Amino acid sequence: MQTNESSQDSEIKHVIRSLCMMNNRFMNFMLDDNKEAAQVFLRIILGDDKIKVKNVRIQSFIQNIYGHSSQLDILAQDSKGRYFNVEVQRSDEGAPARRARFYSSILDTHFLQPGKLYEELPDTYVIFITENDALHDNLPLYNIRRRIDENAKCFEDGSRIIYVNSQRRDDTALGKLMQDLYCTEPKNLHYQEFAERMEFLKYSKEGEEKMTDVIEEYAAKKAEAVAKEAAKKTAQARNVELAKDLLSEGESIERTVRLSKLSEAEVRELASKLSA
């Protein structure tokens, strides 16, 4: 028989091994300080094999003293000085157009230092990888830039917003990348840069230790679920006792149902047991 400790350890391993990169936290661990993996992402999404990532950070907090601050999931910089913010959004509500606009603007205010010229503002890319087709046109990728209405020419201000539809998982490079986002086993990944990192995180003690906050989040959710279930059982037991008292005092089935909040079937079963 398993001890509680070994059972919990087995459960934690199961949780970790069921994670995929569409899980925001796990994606962070996959790309944290992992230039090679971030490079694969950006090269495929932007269709540019020459992108060279210099650094990549997760959970970058950008303070805005005049308004709303933001915590960016993934922030990478390439050798040309361009910045790339990658956000994984499983909920459609998490990827509205105005959020993309805000993230783009907060990158601008953060990276243009006092005394610098506007021309020194770096190019920025805000990339939303969405679980569903957030823009509803059944495209694998939406590349958004400002344009001039009168002549349809692009207005090149150095900012780009990109939505990636992760539902499009075909045999293109982008489709294979989207397949990898939902993959839970390193051996089944298309891109080796992801496979090596996933193998480390899921199947090594050091990797598991790095993901302590994922485990803590899981433990908190489990504790919450256990507490809810216990409260539900307590309320049910209280309602049963109330129904028994009401029936013993001669209350009708209908009134007992209303006062005890039990179902009619439950009340009738209690009544039959009391009269037996």
Protein backbone atom coordinates (compact mmCIF):
# COMPACT_ATOMS: atom_id res chain seq x y z
CA MET A 1 0.00 0.00 0.00
CA GLN A 2 1.31 3.44 -0.90
CA THR A 3 2.07 5.85 1.91
CA ASN A 4 0.43 9.29 1.79
CA GLU A 5 3.80 10.83 0.92
CA SER A 6 4.52 8.46 -1.98
CA SER A 7 0.94 8.79 -3.23
CA GLN A 8 1.26 12.59 -3.22
CA ASP A 9 4.64 12.38 -4.98
CA SER A 10 3.10 10.16 -7.65
CA GLU A 11 0.21 12.59 -8.07
CA ILE A 12 2.58 15.55 -8.45
CA LYS A 13 4.56 13.68 -11.10
CA HIS A 14 1.31 12.94 -12.95
CA VAL A 15 0.33 16.63 -12.87
CA ILE A 16 3.74 17.76 -14.14
CA ARG A 17 3.80 15.18 -16.93
CA SER A 18 0.33 16.15 -18.10
CA LEU A 19 1.38 19.77 -18.70
CA CYS A 20 1.81 21.23 -22.17
CA MET A 21 3.08 24.59 -23.40
CA MET A 22 -0.45 25.97 -23.71
CA ASN A 23 -0.31 26.03 -19.92
CA ASN A 24 0.95 29.54 -19.25
CA ARG A 25 3.18 28.60 -16.32
CA PHE A 26 4.73 25.63 -18.09
CA MET A 27 5.42 27.73 -21.19
CA ASN A 28 7.27 30.17 -18.95
CA PHE A 29 9.50 27.40 -17.65
CA MET A 30 10.08 26.08 -21.15
CA LEU A 31 11.34 29.45 -22.41
CA ASP A 32 12.94 30.93 -19.30
CA ASP A 33 16.51 31.85 -20.27
CA ASN A 34 16.16 29.38 -23.16
CA LYS A 35 17.31 31.40 -26.14
CA GLU A 36 17.28 28.46 -28.55
CA ALA A 37 13.62 27.60 -27.87
CA ALA A 38 12.54 31.26 -27.99
CA GLN A 39 14.38 31.60 -31.28
CA VAL A 40 12.45 28.69 -32.78
CA PHE A 41 9.18 30.36 -31.73
CA LEU A 42 10.01 33.73 -33.20
CA ARG A 43 11.60 32.45 -36.41
CA ILE A 44 8.55 30.34 -37.26
CA ILE A 45 5.90 32.88 -36.28
CA LEU A 46 7.65 35.76 -38.06
CA GLY A 47 8.91 33.67 -40.98
CA ASP A 48 12.46 34.91 -40.45
CA ASP A 49 15.27 32.34 -40.03
CA LYS A 50 17.80 35.09 -39.31
CA ILE A 51 16.39 36.11 -35.92
CA LYS A 52 19.04 35.69 -33.22
CA VAL A 53 17.72 35.94 -29.68
CA LYS A 54 20.09 37.67 -27.25
CA ASN A 55 18.08 37.16 -24.07
CA VAL A 56 14.69 35.98 -22.88
CA ARG A 57 12.95 36.57 -19.55
CA ILE A 58 9.66 35.44 -18.05
CA GLN A 59 7.15 37.31 -15.90
CA SER A 60 8.69 40.72 -16.62
CA PHE A 61 6.89 43.34 -14.55
CA ILE A 62 6.64 46.75 -16.20
CA GLN A 63 5.71 49.51 -13.78
CA ASN A 64 3.53 52.34 -15.03
CA ILE A 65 3.46 55.09 -12.40
CA TYR A 66 0.66 56.94 -14.25
CA GLY A 67 -1.69 54.03 -14.80
CA HIS A 68 -2.10 50.31 -15.23
CA SER A 69 1.09 48.25 -14.86
CA SER A 70 1.63 44.89 -16.58
CA GLN A 71 3.36 41.58 -16.11
CA LEU A 72 4.50 40.15 -19.42
CA ASP A 73 4.60 36.37 -19.82
CA ILE A 74 7.70 36.23 -22.01
CA LEU A 75 9.95 39.08 -23.15
CA ALA A 76 12.77 38.43 -25.60
CA GLN A 77 15.26 40.68 -27.37
CA ASP A 78 17.12 39.87 -30.57
CA SER A 79 20.50 40.94 -31.94
CA LYS A 80 18.89 43.88 -33.78
CA GLY A 81 17.53 45.30 -30.53
CA ARG A 82 13.92 44.37 -31.27
CA TYR A 83 11.67 43.30 -28.39
CA PHE A 84 9.16 40.46 -28.55
CA ASN A 85 6.42 39.97 -25.98
CA VAL A 86 4.78 36.53 -26.20
CA GLU A 87 1.51 35.90 -24.34
CA VAL A 88 -0.33 32.56 -24.14
CA GLN A 89 -4.09 33.02 -23.85
CA ARG A 90 -6.43 30.07 -23.32
CA SER A 91 -9.45 32.30 -22.76
CA ASP A 92 -10.87 34.48 -25.54
CA GLU A 93 -11.45 37.19 -22.93
CA GLY A 94 -7.68 37.33 -22.32
CA ALA A 95 -6.77 38.51 -25.81
CA PRO A 96 -8.91 41.55 -26.71
CA ALA A 97 -7.58 43.97 -29.30
CA ARG A 98 -7.23 46.77 -26.76
CA ARG A 99 -5.08 44.62 -24.50
CA ALA A 100 -2.70 44.09 -27.42
CA ARG A 101 -2.72 47.84 -28.03
CA PHE A 102 -1.95 48.50 -24.35
CA TYR A 103 0.91 46.02 -24.23
CA SER A 104 2.39 47.58 -27.33
CA SER A 105 2.19 51.05 -25.79
CA ILE A 106 3.63 50.01 -22.43
CA LEU A 107 6.64 48.49 -24.19
CA ASP A 108 7.19 51.85 -25.90
CA THR A 109 7.05 53.84 -22.68
CA HIS A 110 9.36 51.36 -20.95
CA PHE A 111 12.07 51.21 -23.59
CA LEU A 112 12.34 54.87 -24.61
CA GLN A 113 14.60 56.25 -21.91
CA PRO A 114 14.61 59.94 -20.86
CA GLY A 115 16.66 62.10 -23.21
CA LYS A 116 16.48 59.60 -26.09
CA LEU A 117 15.15 60.53 -29.51
CA TYR A 118 11.92 59.00 -30.81
CA GLU A 119 13.93 57.49 -33.65
CA GLU A 120 15.75 55.38 -31.06
CA LEU A 121 12.54 53.65 -29.99
CA PRO A 122 13.07 49.91 -30.69
CA ASP A 123 10.76 47.84 -32.86
CA THR A 124 8.30 45.88 -30.75
CA TYR A 125 6.20 42.79 -31.41
CA VAL A 126 3.27 41.76 -29.22
CA ILE A 127 2.38 38.13 -29.98
CA PHE A 128 -0.77 36.49 -28.64
CA ILE A 129 -0.91 32.71 -29.00
CA THR A 130 -4.60 31.91 -28.51
CA GLU A 131 -6.29 28.59 -27.82
CA ASN A 132 -9.20 29.52 -30.07
CA ASP A 133 -9.42 31.60 -33.22
CA ALA A 134 -9.71 34.92 -31.39
CA LEU A 135 -10.26 37.01 -34.55
CA HIS A 136 -12.69 34.50 -36.13
CA ASP A 137 -11.44 34.48 -39.73
CA ASN A 138 -10.00 30.95 -39.66
CA LEU A 139 -6.48 32.15 -40.40
CA PRO A 140 -3.44 30.48 -38.86
CA LEU A 141 -1.84 33.84 -38.14
CA TYR A 142 -2.94 37.49 -38.09
CA ASN A 143 -0.14 39.98 -38.75
CA ILE A 144 -1.41 43.41 -37.71
CA ARG A 145 0.20 46.71 -38.67
CA ARG A 146 -1.04 50.26 -38.94
CA ARG A 147 -1.90 51.47 -42.43
CA ILE A 148 -3.01 54.65 -44.20
CA ASP A 149 -6.67 54.38 -45.19
CA GLU A 150 -6.40 56.57 -48.27
CA ASN A 151 -3.74 54.56 -50.09
CA ALA A 152 -3.63 51.28 -48.08
CA LYS A 153 0.12 51.71 -47.51
CA CYS A 154 1.62 50.48 -44.24
CA PHE A 155 2.45 53.16 -41.69
CA GLU A 156 5.83 51.91 -40.50
CA ASP A 157 6.06 52.97 -36.88
CA GLY A 158 7.99 49.89 -35.74
CA SER A 159 5.14 48.26 -33.81
CA ARG A 160 3.52 44.95 -34.72
CA ILE A 161 0.74 42.89 -33.15
CA ILE A 162 0.40 39.23 -34.09
CA TYR A 163 -2.33 36.76 -33.18
CA VAL A 164 -1.52 33.07 -33.66
CA ASN A 165 -4.46 30.67 -33.91
CA SER A 166 -3.31 27.48 -32.17
CA GLN A 167 -6.25 25.53 -33.60
CA ARG A 168 -4.52 25.45 -37.00
CA ARG A 169 -2.27 22.42 -36.55
CA ASP A 170 -1.37 21.34 -40.06
CA ASP A 171 1.93 20.10 -41.54
CA THR A 172 3.42 23.55 -42.11
CA ALA A 173 6.21 24.77 -39.84
CA LEU A 174 3.70 26.94 -37.98
CA GLY A 175 1.20 24.08 -37.76
CA LYS A 176 3.85 21.77 -36.30
CA LEU A 177 4.76 24.45 -33.78
CA MET A 178 1.10 24.61 -32.76
CA GLN A 179 1.04 20.81 -32.44
CA ASP A 180 4.02 21.04 -30.11
CA LEU A 181 2.16 23.51 -27.88
CA TYR A 182 -0.36 20.79 -27.00
CA CYS A 183 2.14 17.93 -26.75
CA THR A 184 2.86 16.47 -23.30
CA GLU A 185 5.62 14.00 -24.19
CA PRO A 186 9.13 15.14 -25.21
CA LYS A 187 9.55 12.24 -27.65
CA ASN A 188 6.53 13.43 -29.66
CA LEU A 189 7.68 17.01 -30.17
CA HIS A 190 8.73 18.17 -33.62
CA TYR A 191 11.36 20.65 -32.44
CA GLN A 192 14.38 19.37 -30.53
CA GLU A 193 14.86 22.68 -28.71
CA PHE A 194 11.56 22.04 -26.93
CA ALA A 195 12.10 18.32 -26.44
CA GLU A 196 15.35 18.74 -24.49
CA ARG A 197 13.84 21.33 -22.15
CA MET A 198 10.65 19.34 -21.60
CA GLU A 199 12.63 16.20 -20.86
CA PHE A 200 14.59 18.11 -18.21
CA LEU A 201 11.53 19.70 -16.59
CA LYS A 202 9.38 16.58 -16.50
CA TYR A 203 11.83 13.75 -15.95
CA SER A 204 14.60 15.11 -13.76
CA LYS A 205 14.58 15.96 -10.06
CA GLU A 206 16.16 19.34 -10.79
CA GLY A 207 13.42 20.11 -13.30
CA GLU A 208 10.65 19.24 -10.87
CA GLU A 209 12.28 21.44 -8.23
CA LYS A 210 12.28 24.39 -10.66
CA MET A 211 8.50 24.12 -11.01
CA THR A 212 7.68 24.54 -7.34
CA ASP A 213 5.11 27.27 -8.03
CA VAL A 214 3.25 24.99 -10.48
CA ILE A 215 3.13 22.33 -7.77
CA GLU A 216 2.05 24.89 -5.16
CA GLU A 217 -0.70 26.15 -7.46
CA TYR A 218 -1.89 22.58 -7.98
CA ALA A 219 -1.81 21.91 -4.22
CA ALA A 220 -3.79 25.10 -3.54
CA LYS A 221 -6.45 24.17 -6.09
CA LYS A 222 -6.68 20.65 -4.70
CA ALA A 223 -7.02 21.96 -1.13
CA GLU A 224 -9.76 24.34 -2.30
CA ALA A 225 -11.61 21.47 -4.02
CA VAL A 226 -11.32 19.28 -0.89
CA ALA A 227 -12.61 22.13 1.29
CA LYS A 228 -15.58 22.71 -1.03
CA GLU A 229 -16.43 19.02 -1.03
CA ALA A 230 -16.22 18.88 2.77
CA ALA A 231 -18.47 21.95 3.08
CA LYS A 232 -20.94 20.36 0.66
CA LYS A 233 -21.06 17.14 2.72
CA THR A 234 -21.50 19.11 5.94
CA ALA A 235 -24.40 21.09 4.47
CA GLN A 236 -25.99 17.91 3.14
CA ALA A 237 -25.75 16.20 6.55
CA ARG A 238 -27.30 19.27 8.20
CA ASN A 239 -30.15 19.29 5.69
CA VAL A 240 -30.80 15.57 6.26
CA GLU A 241 -31.04 16.09 10.03
CA LEU A 242 -33.41 19.02 9.53
CA ALA A 243 -35.61 16.96 7.22
CA LYS A 244 -35.74 14.12 9.74
CA ASP A 245 -36.84 16.53 12.48
CA LEU A 246 -39.51 18.08 10.26
CA LEU A 247 -40.90 14.72 9.21
CA SER A 248 -40.91 13.50 12.82
CA GLU A 249 -42.98 16.55 13.74
CA GLY A 250 -45.52 15.68 11.06
CA GLU A 251 -44.57 18.20 8.38
CA SER A 252 -45.68 17.43 4.82
CA ILE A 253 -43.29 16.16 2.15
CA GLU A 254 -43.69 19.38 0.16
CA ARG A 255 -42.89 21.69 3.11
CA THR A 256 -39.96 19.50 4.19
CA VAL A 257 -38.50 19.68 0.67
CA ARG A 258 -38.79 23.46 0.71
CA LEU A 259 -37.27 23.96 4.15
CA SER A 260 -34.51 21.36 4.02
CA LYS A 261 -33.40 22.04 0.42
CA LEU A 262 -33.29 18.30 -0.23
CA SER A 263 -34.85 16.79 -3.33
CA GLU A 264 -38.32 15.30 -3.15
CA ALA A 265 -36.87 11.82 -3.77
CA GLU A 266 -34.44 12.24 -0.85
CA VAL A 267 -37.22 13.41 1.47
CA ARG A 268 -39.54 10.56 0.49
CA GLU A 269 -36.75 8.04 1.11
CA LEU A 270 -36.17 9.52 4.58
CA ALA A 271 -39.93 9.43 5.27
CA SER A 272 -40.12 5.75 4.31
CA LYS A 273 -37.22 4.89 6.62
CA LEU A 274 -38.76 6.81 9.53
CA SER A 275 -42.09 5.04 9.10
CA ALA A 276 -40.58 1.57 8.74
